[in-house]
């Protein structure tokens, strides 16, 4: 078969960075982020979280090819901040949101299993 081994979907090869940042030279306060070994799940969550920030003017992503396991995220911000900073904030907020959801689920599960 031509299918890649499953571990290739999430294991970074030696010398490959998880995140690569490229400042945009044509658009002010914009950058392109290449995030390796991730898919639409994280890309869409990041995009939506970034768009919640009033300092973000644009956030979008693309998956170049289904067999390439990375996505390209483009972010443009207002002049008083930068794309790397708002991406860091978005990641922190997503981690907090997922943690909160996990806690609520565990509480609900404990309530239903105890009755």
N, C-alpha and C. Protein backbone atom coordinates (compact mmCIF):
# COMPACT_ATOMS: atom_id res chain seq x y z
N UNK A 1 0.83 -1.19 0.00
CA UNK A 1 0.00 0.00 0.00
C UNK A 1 0.87 1.25 0.00
N UNK A 2 0.28 2.33 -0.45
CA UNK A 2 0.99 3.60 -0.47
C UNK A 2 0.74 4.42 0.78
N UNK A 3 -0.06 3.95 1.69
CA UNK A 3 -0.38 4.71 2.89
C UNK A 3 0.86 4.85 3.78
N UNK A 4 1.08 6.06 4.31
CA UNK A 4 2.23 6.23 5.21
C UNK A 4 1.96 5.54 6.55
N UNK A 5 3.04 5.22 7.24
CA UNK A 5 2.90 4.64 8.58
C UNK A 5 2.19 5.64 9.49
N UNK A 6 1.38 5.14 10.42
CA UNK A 6 0.60 6.02 11.29
C UNK A 6 1.46 6.96 12.12
N UNK A 7 2.63 6.49 12.57
CA UNK A 7 3.47 7.34 13.41
C UNK A 7 3.93 8.59 12.66
N UNK A 8 3.96 8.54 11.33
CA UNK A 8 4.39 9.70 10.56
C UNK A 8 3.41 10.86 10.67
N UNK A 9 2.20 10.59 11.16
CA UNK A 9 1.20 11.63 11.32
C UNK A 9 1.48 12.54 12.50
N UNK A 10 2.27 12.07 13.48
CA UNK A 10 2.45 12.88 14.69
C UNK A 10 3.88 12.93 15.21
N UNK A 11 4.79 12.14 14.72
CA UNK A 11 6.17 12.15 15.20
C UNK A 11 7.00 13.08 14.31
N UNK A 12 7.63 14.07 14.95
CA UNK A 12 8.49 14.99 14.20
C UNK A 12 9.82 14.32 13.85
N UNK A 13 10.23 14.40 12.60
CA UNK A 13 11.54 13.88 12.25
C UNK A 13 12.65 14.73 12.87
N UNK A 14 13.83 14.18 12.99
CA UNK A 14 14.96 14.92 13.54
C UNK A 14 15.21 16.18 12.71
N UNK A 15 15.44 17.28 13.41
CA UNK A 15 15.77 18.53 12.74
C UNK A 15 14.58 19.35 12.26
N UNK A 16 13.36 18.84 12.44
CA UNK A 16 12.16 19.56 12.01
C UNK A 16 11.55 20.26 13.21
N UNK A 17 11.27 21.55 13.08
CA UNK A 17 10.65 22.32 14.16
C UNK A 17 9.14 22.19 14.09
N UNK A 18 8.50 22.16 15.25
CA UNK A 18 7.05 22.08 15.32
C UNK A 18 6.40 23.35 14.74
N UNK A 19 7.01 24.50 15.01
CA UNK A 19 6.46 25.78 14.58
C UNK A 19 7.54 26.60 13.89
N UNK A 20 7.20 27.11 12.71
CA UNK A 20 8.09 27.99 11.97
C UNK A 20 7.34 29.29 11.71
N UNK A 21 7.95 30.42 12.04
CA UNK A 21 7.32 31.73 11.86
C UNK A 21 8.05 32.48 10.74
N UNK A 22 7.27 33.00 9.79
CA UNK A 22 7.81 33.79 8.71
C UNK A 22 7.07 35.12 8.67
N UNK A 23 7.74 36.22 9.00
CA UNK A 23 7.08 37.53 8.92
C UNK A 23 6.71 37.84 7.46
N UNK A 24 5.57 38.48 7.28
CA UNK A 24 5.13 38.87 5.94
C UNK A 24 5.76 40.21 5.59
N UNK A 25 6.43 40.28 4.46
CA UNK A 25 7.11 41.51 4.07
C UNK A 25 6.20 42.46 3.29
N UNK A 26 5.04 41.99 2.84
CA UNK A 26 4.15 42.81 2.03
C UNK A 26 2.98 43.38 2.83
N UNK A 27 2.61 42.73 3.91
CA UNK A 27 1.46 43.16 4.70
C UNK A 27 1.97 43.53 6.09
N UNK A 28 1.61 44.72 6.59
CA UNK A 28 2.08 45.12 7.92
C UNK A 28 1.45 44.29 9.03
N UNK A 29 2.24 44.00 10.05
CA UNK A 29 1.78 43.25 11.22
C UNK A 29 1.17 41.91 10.84
N UNK A 30 1.79 41.22 9.93
CA UNK A 30 1.29 39.92 9.48
C UNK A 30 2.44 38.90 9.49
N UNK A 31 2.06 37.65 9.67
CA UNK A 31 3.04 36.57 9.66
C UNK A 31 2.37 35.28 9.21
N UNK A 32 3.20 34.36 8.75
CA UNK A 32 2.76 33.04 8.36
C UNK A 32 3.40 32.04 9.31
N UNK A 33 2.59 31.15 9.87
CA UNK A 33 3.07 30.12 10.78
C UNK A 33 2.87 28.77 10.11
N UNK A 34 3.91 27.96 10.09
CA UNK A 34 3.81 26.59 9.60
C UNK A 34 3.86 25.69 10.83
N UNK A 35 2.82 24.93 11.02
CA UNK A 35 2.72 24.06 12.19
C UNK A 35 2.72 22.61 11.71
N UNK A 36 3.75 21.89 12.09
CA UNK A 36 3.98 20.52 11.63
C UNK A 36 3.18 19.49 12.44
N UNK A 37 2.83 18.42 11.76
CA UNK A 37 2.20 17.24 12.36
C UNK A 37 0.88 17.56 13.07
N UNK A 38 0.11 18.46 12.47
CA UNK A 38 -1.22 18.79 12.98
C UNK A 38 -2.18 18.83 11.80
N UNK A 39 -3.49 18.86 12.10
CA UNK A 39 -4.47 18.82 11.03
C UNK A 39 -5.55 19.88 11.23
N UNK A 40 -6.68 19.70 10.53
CA UNK A 40 -7.77 20.67 10.58
C UNK A 40 -8.29 20.89 12.00
N UNK A 41 -8.22 19.91 12.84
CA UNK A 41 -8.76 20.05 14.19
C UNK A 41 -8.11 21.22 14.91
N UNK A 42 -6.80 21.21 15.02
CA UNK A 42 -6.11 22.31 15.69
C UNK A 42 -6.16 23.59 14.87
N UNK A 43 -6.02 23.48 13.57
CA UNK A 43 -6.01 24.67 12.71
C UNK A 43 -7.30 25.46 12.85
N UNK A 44 -8.43 24.79 12.81
CA UNK A 44 -9.71 25.49 12.89
C UNK A 44 -9.93 26.06 14.29
N UNK A 45 -9.54 25.33 15.33
CA UNK A 45 -9.69 25.86 16.69
C UNK A 45 -8.83 27.11 16.88
N UNK A 46 -7.60 27.09 16.38
CA UNK A 46 -6.73 28.26 16.49
C UNK A 46 -7.30 29.44 15.72
N UNK A 47 -7.77 29.18 14.52
CA UNK A 47 -8.34 30.25 13.70
C UNK A 47 -9.53 30.89 14.41
N UNK A 48 -10.43 30.08 14.92
CA UNK A 48 -11.60 30.63 15.60
C UNK A 48 -11.22 31.39 16.87
N UNK A 49 -10.26 30.88 17.62
CA UNK A 49 -9.81 31.57 18.83
C UNK A 49 -9.14 32.89 18.48
N UNK A 50 -8.35 32.90 17.43
CA UNK A 50 -7.69 34.14 17.00
C UNK A 50 -8.73 35.19 16.58
N UNK A 51 -9.77 34.76 15.91
CA UNK A 51 -10.79 35.71 15.44
C UNK A 51 -11.60 36.30 16.59
N UNK A 52 -11.55 35.69 17.77
CA UNK A 52 -12.21 36.24 18.94
C UNK A 52 -11.45 37.46 19.49
N UNK A 53 -10.19 37.58 19.16
CA UNK A 53 -9.35 38.67 19.65
C UNK A 53 -9.59 39.92 18.81
N UNK A 54 -9.98 41.04 19.45
CA UNK A 54 -10.22 42.27 18.67
C UNK A 54 -8.97 42.84 18.02
N UNK A 55 -7.80 42.40 18.44
CA UNK A 55 -6.55 42.88 17.84
C UNK A 55 -6.16 42.11 16.58
N UNK A 56 -6.92 41.07 16.26
CA UNK A 56 -6.64 40.26 15.07
C UNK A 56 -7.52 40.76 13.92
N UNK A 57 -6.89 41.19 12.85
CA UNK A 57 -7.62 41.66 11.67
C UNK A 57 -7.95 40.52 10.72
N UNK A 58 -7.07 39.52 10.65
CA UNK A 58 -7.28 38.39 9.76
C UNK A 58 -6.62 37.15 10.36
N UNK A 59 -7.31 36.03 10.24
CA UNK A 59 -6.74 34.73 10.61
C UNK A 59 -7.35 33.69 9.69
N UNK A 60 -6.49 32.94 9.03
CA UNK A 60 -6.96 31.89 8.14
C UNK A 60 -5.89 30.82 8.02
N UNK A 61 -6.32 29.64 7.59
CA UNK A 61 -5.35 28.55 7.44
C UNK A 61 -5.63 27.78 6.17
N UNK A 62 -4.63 27.02 5.77
CA UNK A 62 -4.81 26.09 4.65
C UNK A 62 -3.98 24.85 4.89
N UNK A 63 -4.48 23.77 4.35
CA UNK A 63 -3.77 22.49 4.36
C UNK A 63 -3.30 22.29 2.92
N UNK A 64 -2.00 22.39 2.66
CA UNK A 64 -1.52 22.32 1.28
C UNK A 64 -1.90 21.03 0.55
N UNK A 65 -1.86 19.89 1.24
CA UNK A 65 -2.18 18.61 0.59
C UNK A 65 -2.55 17.60 1.67
N UNK A 66 -3.51 16.73 1.40
CA UNK A 66 -3.93 15.76 2.42
C UNK A 66 -2.83 14.83 2.91
N UNK A 67 -1.82 14.58 2.11
CA UNK A 67 -0.73 13.70 2.52
C UNK A 67 0.41 14.44 3.22
N UNK A 68 0.35 15.78 3.22
CA UNK A 68 1.33 16.58 3.95
C UNK A 68 0.72 16.92 5.30
N UNK A 69 1.37 16.53 6.37
CA UNK A 69 0.78 16.65 7.71
C UNK A 69 1.24 17.93 8.40
N UNK A 70 0.81 19.05 7.85
CA UNK A 70 1.05 20.35 8.45
C UNK A 70 0.01 21.32 7.91
N UNK A 71 -0.10 22.46 8.57
CA UNK A 71 -0.96 23.50 8.04
C UNK A 71 -0.24 24.84 8.10
N UNK A 72 -0.70 25.76 7.27
CA UNK A 72 -0.18 27.11 7.19
C UNK A 72 -1.23 28.03 7.78
N UNK A 73 -0.85 28.81 8.78
CA UNK A 73 -1.75 29.75 9.44
C UNK A 73 -1.26 31.16 9.15
N UNK A 74 -2.13 32.00 8.62
CA UNK A 74 -1.78 33.40 8.36
C UNK A 74 -2.53 34.27 9.34
N UNK A 75 -1.83 35.23 9.93
CA UNK A 75 -2.41 36.12 10.93
C UNK A 75 -1.96 37.55 10.66
N UNK A 76 -2.92 38.48 10.70
CA UNK A 76 -2.61 39.90 10.63
C UNK A 76 -3.24 40.57 11.84
N UNK A 77 -2.48 41.45 12.48
CA UNK A 77 -2.94 42.10 13.70
C UNK A 77 -2.95 43.62 13.55
N UNK A 78 -3.49 44.28 14.56
CA UNK A 78 -3.43 45.74 14.62
C UNK A 78 -2.00 46.14 14.93
N UNK A 79 -1.64 47.41 14.69
CA UNK A 79 -0.24 47.84 14.90
C UNK A 79 0.27 47.75 16.34
N UNK A 80 -0.63 47.69 17.33
CA UNK A 80 -0.18 47.69 18.73
C UNK A 80 0.21 46.31 19.26
N UNK A 81 0.21 45.30 18.42
CA UNK A 81 0.63 43.96 18.85
C UNK A 81 1.28 43.26 17.66
N UNK A 82 1.61 41.98 17.84
CA UNK A 82 2.21 41.24 16.73
C UNK A 82 1.59 39.84 16.64
N UNK A 83 1.68 39.20 15.48
CA UNK A 83 1.04 37.91 15.28
C UNK A 83 1.51 36.81 16.25
N UNK A 84 2.79 36.78 16.58
CA UNK A 84 3.29 35.75 17.49
C UNK A 84 2.67 35.90 18.88
N UNK A 85 2.50 37.12 19.33
CA UNK A 85 1.91 37.38 20.65
C UNK A 85 0.45 36.93 20.69
N UNK A 86 -0.33 37.29 19.67
CA UNK A 86 -1.74 36.90 19.70
C UNK A 86 -1.90 35.39 19.52
N UNK A 87 -1.00 34.75 18.79
CA UNK A 87 -1.06 33.29 18.67
C UNK A 87 -0.79 32.63 20.01
N UNK A 88 0.20 33.15 20.74
CA UNK A 88 0.49 32.63 22.08
C UNK A 88 -0.71 32.78 23.00
N UNK A 89 -1.38 33.94 22.94
CA UNK A 89 -2.58 34.15 23.76
C UNK A 89 -3.69 33.18 23.36
N UNK A 90 -3.87 32.96 22.06
CA UNK A 90 -4.91 32.05 21.59
C UNK A 90 -4.65 30.62 22.07
N UNK A 91 -3.41 30.19 22.03
CA UNK A 91 -3.06 28.85 22.51
C UNK A 91 -3.35 28.72 24.00
N UNK A 92 -2.97 29.73 24.78
CA UNK A 92 -3.22 29.72 26.22
C UNK A 92 -4.72 29.64 26.51
N UNK A 93 -5.51 30.43 25.80
CA UNK A 93 -6.96 30.43 26.00
C UNK A 93 -7.56 29.09 25.61
N UNK A 94 -7.07 28.49 24.53
CA UNK A 94 -7.58 27.17 24.13
C UNK A 94 -7.26 26.11 25.18
N UNK A 95 -6.07 26.16 25.73
CA UNK A 95 -5.70 25.19 26.77
C UNK A 95 -6.62 25.34 27.97
N UNK A 96 -6.91 26.58 28.36
CA UNK A 96 -7.81 26.83 29.49
C UNK A 96 -9.21 26.34 29.18
N UNK A 97 -9.69 26.58 27.97
CA UNK A 97 -11.03 26.15 27.58
C UNK A 97 -11.15 24.63 27.59
N UNK A 98 -10.17 23.95 27.04
CA UNK A 98 -10.20 22.49 27.02
C UNK A 98 -10.11 21.94 28.44
N UNK A 99 -9.29 22.55 29.29
CA UNK A 99 -9.20 22.11 30.68
C UNK A 99 -10.52 22.29 31.41
N UNK A 100 -11.19 23.40 31.16
CA UNK A 100 -12.50 23.65 31.78
C UNK A 100 -13.53 22.63 31.30
N UNK A 101 -13.52 22.35 30.02
CA UNK A 101 -14.45 21.34 29.48
C UNK A 101 -14.19 19.98 30.09
N UNK A 102 -12.92 19.62 30.24
CA UNK A 102 -12.55 18.34 30.83
C UNK A 102 -13.05 18.25 32.27
N UNK A 103 -12.87 19.32 33.04
CA UNK A 103 -13.34 19.32 34.43
C UNK A 103 -14.85 19.18 34.51
N UNK A 104 -15.57 19.90 33.66
CA UNK A 104 -17.03 19.81 33.65
C UNK A 104 -17.49 18.41 33.28
N UNK A 105 -16.81 17.81 32.32
CA UNK A 105 -17.15 16.45 31.92
C UNK A 105 -16.92 15.46 33.06
N UNK A 106 -15.78 15.60 33.75
CA UNK A 106 -15.47 14.70 34.85
C UNK A 106 -16.46 14.85 36.00
N UNK A 107 -16.88 16.09 36.29
CA UNK A 107 -17.88 16.33 37.34
C UNK A 107 -19.19 15.68 36.94
N UNK A 108 -19.60 15.87 35.71
CA UNK A 108 -20.87 15.30 35.22
C UNK A 108 -20.79 13.77 35.25
N UNK A 109 -19.65 13.23 34.85
CA UNK A 109 -19.47 11.78 34.86
C UNK A 109 -19.53 11.23 36.28
N UNK A 110 -18.91 11.94 37.23
CA UNK A 110 -18.93 11.52 38.63
C UNK A 110 -20.36 11.56 39.18
N UNK A 111 -21.12 12.57 38.79
CA UNK A 111 -22.51 12.69 39.26
C UNK A 111 -23.39 11.57 38.73
N UNK A 112 -23.19 11.19 37.46
CA UNK A 112 -24.04 10.16 36.88
C UNK A 112 -23.63 8.77 37.33
N UNK A 113 -22.35 8.55 37.62
CA UNK A 113 -21.92 7.21 38.05
C UNK A 113 -22.20 7.00 39.53
N UNK A 114 -22.37 8.07 40.29
CA UNK A 114 -22.62 7.95 41.71
C UNK A 114 -24.08 7.70 42.05
N UNK A 115 -24.99 7.82 41.10
CA UNK A 115 -26.40 7.64 41.41
C UNK A 115 -26.94 6.29 41.09
